[in-house]
Amino acid sequence: MALAPDHASLLANLGAQIRRERVALKMTQERLAELVGVNPRTVQKIEAGKLNILVTTFARIQVALDCDWDDLLGSRRRRG
């Protein structure tokens, strides 16, 4: 099933934020996959915004990257 454009955009932004945090830590996709307990291809798909992940997987990524939820969600900007 195809995602709605706003959902696809959300996944793309989330993937970009995860990639940004991972690269800032000088961590490989393989290492992140190992810490999260997923296949490296899964990390590639997440970072590309091509995979709608479970909240539990997202939580494991947040712990592995040792960052705030807001850093990954890009939600520090105010709505209005």
N, C-alpha and C. Protein backbone atom coordinates (compact mmCIF):
# COMPACT_ATOMS: atom_id res chain seq x y z
N MET A 1 0.84 -1.18 0.00
CA MET A 1 0.00 0.00 0.00
C MET A 1 0.88 1.24 0.00
N ALA A 2 0.62 2.15 -0.89
CA ALA A 2 1.39 3.39 -0.99
C ALA A 2 1.04 4.32 0.17
N LEU A 3 2.03 5.04 0.63
CA LEU A 3 1.82 6.00 1.71
C LEU A 3 1.29 7.31 1.17
N ALA A 4 0.53 8.00 1.99
CA ALA A 4 0.10 9.34 1.65
C ALA A 4 1.34 10.23 1.57
N PRO A 5 1.33 11.26 0.74
CA PRO A 5 2.52 12.12 0.58
C PRO A 5 3.04 12.69 1.90
N ASP A 6 2.16 13.08 2.80
CA ASP A 6 2.65 13.64 4.06
C ASP A 6 3.31 12.57 4.94
N HIS A 7 2.84 11.33 4.85
CA HIS A 7 3.48 10.24 5.59
C HIS A 7 4.83 9.88 4.97
N ALA A 8 4.91 9.89 3.66
CA ALA A 8 6.18 9.61 2.98
C ALA A 8 7.20 10.68 3.34
N SER A 9 6.76 11.92 3.42
CA SER A 9 7.64 13.02 3.80
C SER A 9 8.12 12.86 5.25
N LEU A 10 7.23 12.43 6.11
CA LEU A 10 7.59 12.20 7.51
C LEU A 10 8.67 11.13 7.62
N LEU A 11 8.51 10.02 6.89
CA LEU A 11 9.50 8.95 6.92
C LEU A 11 10.84 9.40 6.33
N ALA A 12 10.78 10.20 5.28
CA ALA A 12 12.02 10.72 4.67
C ALA A 12 12.76 11.62 5.65
N ASN A 13 12.01 12.48 6.35
CA ASN A 13 12.63 13.38 7.32
C ASN A 13 13.20 12.61 8.51
N LEU A 14 12.46 11.62 8.97
CA LEU A 14 12.93 10.80 10.08
C LEU A 14 14.22 10.07 9.69
N GLY A 15 14.23 9.49 8.50
CA GLY A 15 15.43 8.81 8.02
C GLY A 15 16.63 9.73 7.92
N ALA A 16 16.39 10.94 7.45
CA ALA A 16 17.47 11.92 7.34
C ALA A 16 18.01 12.31 8.71
N GLN A 17 17.13 12.44 9.68
CA GLN A 17 17.56 12.79 11.04
C GLN A 17 18.37 11.64 11.65
N ILE A 18 17.92 10.41 11.44
CA ILE A 18 18.65 9.26 11.96
C ILE A 18 20.03 9.21 11.32
N ARG A 19 20.10 9.40 10.01
CA ARG A 19 21.39 9.40 9.32
C ARG A 19 22.29 10.51 9.88
N ARG A 20 21.74 11.71 10.08
CA ARG A 20 22.51 12.84 10.59
C ARG A 20 23.12 12.50 11.95
N GLU A 21 22.31 11.94 12.84
CA GLU A 21 22.81 11.59 14.18
C GLU A 21 23.86 10.48 14.10
N ARG A 22 23.62 9.49 13.27
CA ARG A 22 24.57 8.37 13.14
C ARG A 22 25.92 8.86 12.61
N VAL A 23 25.88 9.67 11.57
CA VAL A 23 27.11 10.19 10.96
C VAL A 23 27.86 11.09 11.95
N ALA A 24 27.12 11.88 12.72
CA ALA A 24 27.76 12.75 13.72
C ALA A 24 28.53 11.93 14.75
N LEU A 25 28.07 10.72 14.99
CA LEU A 25 28.77 9.82 15.92
C LEU A 25 29.86 8.99 15.23
N LYS A 26 30.01 9.19 13.92
CA LYS A 26 30.97 8.42 13.13
C LYS A 26 30.69 6.92 13.24
N MET A 27 29.39 6.59 13.21
CA MET A 27 28.93 5.22 13.33
C MET A 27 28.52 4.71 11.96
N THR A 28 28.86 3.49 11.65
CA THR A 28 28.44 2.90 10.38
C THR A 28 27.00 2.39 10.49
N GLN A 29 26.40 2.19 9.34
CA GLN A 29 25.06 1.59 9.32
C GLN A 29 25.11 0.19 9.90
N GLU A 30 26.20 -0.51 9.65
CA GLU A 30 26.35 -1.87 10.17
C GLU A 30 26.39 -1.87 11.69
N ARG A 31 27.10 -0.91 12.27
CA ARG A 31 27.19 -0.82 13.74
C ARG A 31 25.83 -0.45 14.33
N LEU A 32 25.13 0.49 13.72
CA LEU A 32 23.80 0.86 14.21
C LEU A 32 22.87 -0.35 14.14
N ALA A 33 22.92 -1.07 13.04
CA ALA A 33 22.09 -2.27 12.89
C ALA A 33 22.38 -3.28 14.00
N GLU A 34 23.65 -3.47 14.29
CA GLU A 34 24.05 -4.40 15.35
C GLU A 34 23.49 -3.97 16.70
N LEU A 35 23.60 -2.68 17.02
CA LEU A 35 23.11 -2.17 18.30
C LEU A 35 21.58 -2.25 18.41
N VAL A 36 20.91 -2.06 17.29
CA VAL A 36 19.44 -2.05 17.29
C VAL A 36 18.87 -3.45 17.17
N GLY A 37 19.65 -4.38 16.61
CA GLY A 37 19.18 -5.74 16.44
C GLY A 37 18.41 -5.95 15.16
N VAL A 38 18.83 -5.23 14.11
CA VAL A 38 18.21 -5.38 12.79
C VAL A 38 19.29 -5.64 11.75
N ASN A 39 18.87 -5.96 10.55
CA ASN A 39 19.77 -6.17 9.43
C ASN A 39 20.28 -4.82 8.92
N PRO A 40 21.54 -4.72 8.49
CA PRO A 40 22.03 -3.46 7.94
C PRO A 40 21.16 -2.92 6.80
N ARG A 41 20.58 -3.80 6.01
CA ARG A 41 19.69 -3.36 4.92
C ARG A 41 18.47 -2.63 5.49
N THR A 42 18.03 -3.04 6.67
CA THR A 42 16.91 -2.36 7.32
C THR A 42 17.29 -0.93 7.67
N VAL A 43 18.49 -0.74 8.18
CA VAL A 43 18.96 0.62 8.50
C VAL A 43 19.03 1.44 7.22
N GLN A 44 19.50 0.86 6.14
CA GLN A 44 19.56 1.57 4.86
C GLN A 44 18.17 2.03 4.43
N LYS A 45 17.19 1.14 4.55
CA LYS A 45 15.82 1.47 4.15
C LYS A 45 15.22 2.54 5.06
N ILE A 46 15.50 2.46 6.35
CA ILE A 46 15.00 3.47 7.30
C ILE A 46 15.57 4.83 6.94
N GLU A 47 16.89 4.90 6.75
CA GLU A 47 17.54 6.18 6.44
C GLU A 47 17.09 6.74 5.10
N ALA A 48 16.71 5.86 4.18
CA ALA A 48 16.22 6.31 2.87
C ALA A 48 14.74 6.71 2.93
N GLY A 49 14.10 6.51 4.08
CA GLY A 49 12.69 6.85 4.20
C GLY A 49 11.78 5.87 3.49
N LYS A 50 12.27 4.66 3.27
CA LYS A 50 11.52 3.65 2.51
C LYS A 50 10.87 2.59 3.40
N LEU A 51 11.02 2.72 4.72
CA LEU A 51 10.49 1.71 5.61
C LEU A 51 9.74 2.37 6.76
N ASN A 52 8.50 1.97 6.95
CA ASN A 52 7.68 2.45 8.05
C ASN A 52 7.98 1.55 9.25
N ILE A 53 8.74 2.06 10.21
CA ILE A 53 9.23 1.22 11.30
C ILE A 53 8.30 1.23 12.50
N LEU A 54 8.45 0.20 13.32
CA LEU A 54 7.71 0.12 14.57
C LEU A 54 8.25 1.12 15.58
N VAL A 55 7.41 1.56 16.47
CA VAL A 55 7.84 2.47 17.53
C VAL A 55 8.92 1.82 18.38
N THR A 56 8.85 0.53 18.59
CA THR A 56 9.86 -0.16 19.39
C THR A 56 11.22 -0.14 18.71
N THR A 57 11.24 -0.27 17.40
CA THR A 57 12.49 -0.17 16.65
C THR A 57 13.02 1.26 16.74
N PHE A 58 12.14 2.23 16.60
CA PHE A 58 12.53 3.63 16.72
C PHE A 58 13.13 3.90 18.10
N ALA A 59 12.54 3.33 19.14
CA ALA A 59 13.05 3.51 20.50
C ALA A 59 14.45 2.91 20.64
N ARG A 60 14.68 1.75 20.02
CA ARG A 60 16.02 1.14 20.08
C ARG A 60 17.04 1.99 19.32
N ILE A 61 16.62 2.61 18.23
CA ILE A 61 17.51 3.50 17.48
C ILE A 61 17.86 4.71 18.33
N GLN A 62 16.88 5.27 19.00
CA GLN A 62 17.10 6.44 19.85
C GLN A 62 18.11 6.11 20.96
N VAL A 63 17.99 4.94 21.55
CA VAL A 63 18.93 4.52 22.60
C VAL A 63 20.32 4.31 22.01
N ALA A 64 20.40 3.64 20.87
CA ALA A 64 21.69 3.35 20.24
C ALA A 64 22.42 4.63 19.85
N LEU A 65 21.67 5.64 19.44
CA LEU A 65 22.29 6.90 19.03
C LEU A 65 22.47 7.85 20.22
N ASP A 66 21.92 7.47 21.38
CA ASP A 66 22.05 8.26 22.60
C ASP A 66 21.69 9.73 22.36
N CYS A 67 20.50 9.93 21.81
CA CYS A 67 20.04 11.29 21.54
C CYS A 67 18.60 11.45 22.01
N ASP A 68 18.13 12.67 22.01
CA ASP A 68 16.76 12.96 22.41
C ASP A 68 15.80 12.60 21.29
N TRP A 69 14.57 12.27 21.69
CA TRP A 69 13.51 12.00 20.71
C TRP A 69 13.39 13.18 19.75
N ASP A 70 13.43 14.39 20.31
CA ASP A 70 13.27 15.60 19.48
C ASP A 70 14.34 15.70 18.41
N ASP A 71 15.54 15.22 18.70
CA ASP A 71 16.61 15.26 17.71
C ASP A 71 16.26 14.40 16.49
N LEU A 72 15.62 13.28 16.74
CA LEU A 72 15.25 12.38 15.65
C LEU A 72 13.97 12.80 14.95
N LEU A 73 13.06 13.35 15.72
CA LEU A 73 11.77 13.75 15.14
C LEU A 73 11.83 15.12 14.49
N GLY A 74 12.90 15.87 14.78
CA GLY A 74 12.99 17.22 14.23
C GLY A 74 11.87 18.11 14.74
N SER A 75 11.43 17.85 15.98
CA SER A 75 10.27 18.57 16.50
C SER A 75 10.62 19.74 17.39
N ARG A 76 11.83 20.23 17.29
CA ARG A 76 12.20 21.40 18.10
C ARG A 76 11.62 22.69 17.53
N ARG A 77 11.20 22.63 16.29
CA ARG A 77 10.60 23.84 15.71
C ARG A 77 9.16 23.95 16.19
N ARG A 78 8.70 25.16 16.36
CA ARG A 78 7.35 25.39 16.84
C ARG A 78 6.36 25.42 15.70
N ARG A 79 5.21 24.91 16.00
CA ARG A 79 4.11 24.98 15.02
C ARG A 79 3.43 26.32 15.18
N GLY A 80 2.88 26.79 14.11
CA GLY A 80 2.15 28.03 14.28
C GLY A 80 2.02 28.70 13.03
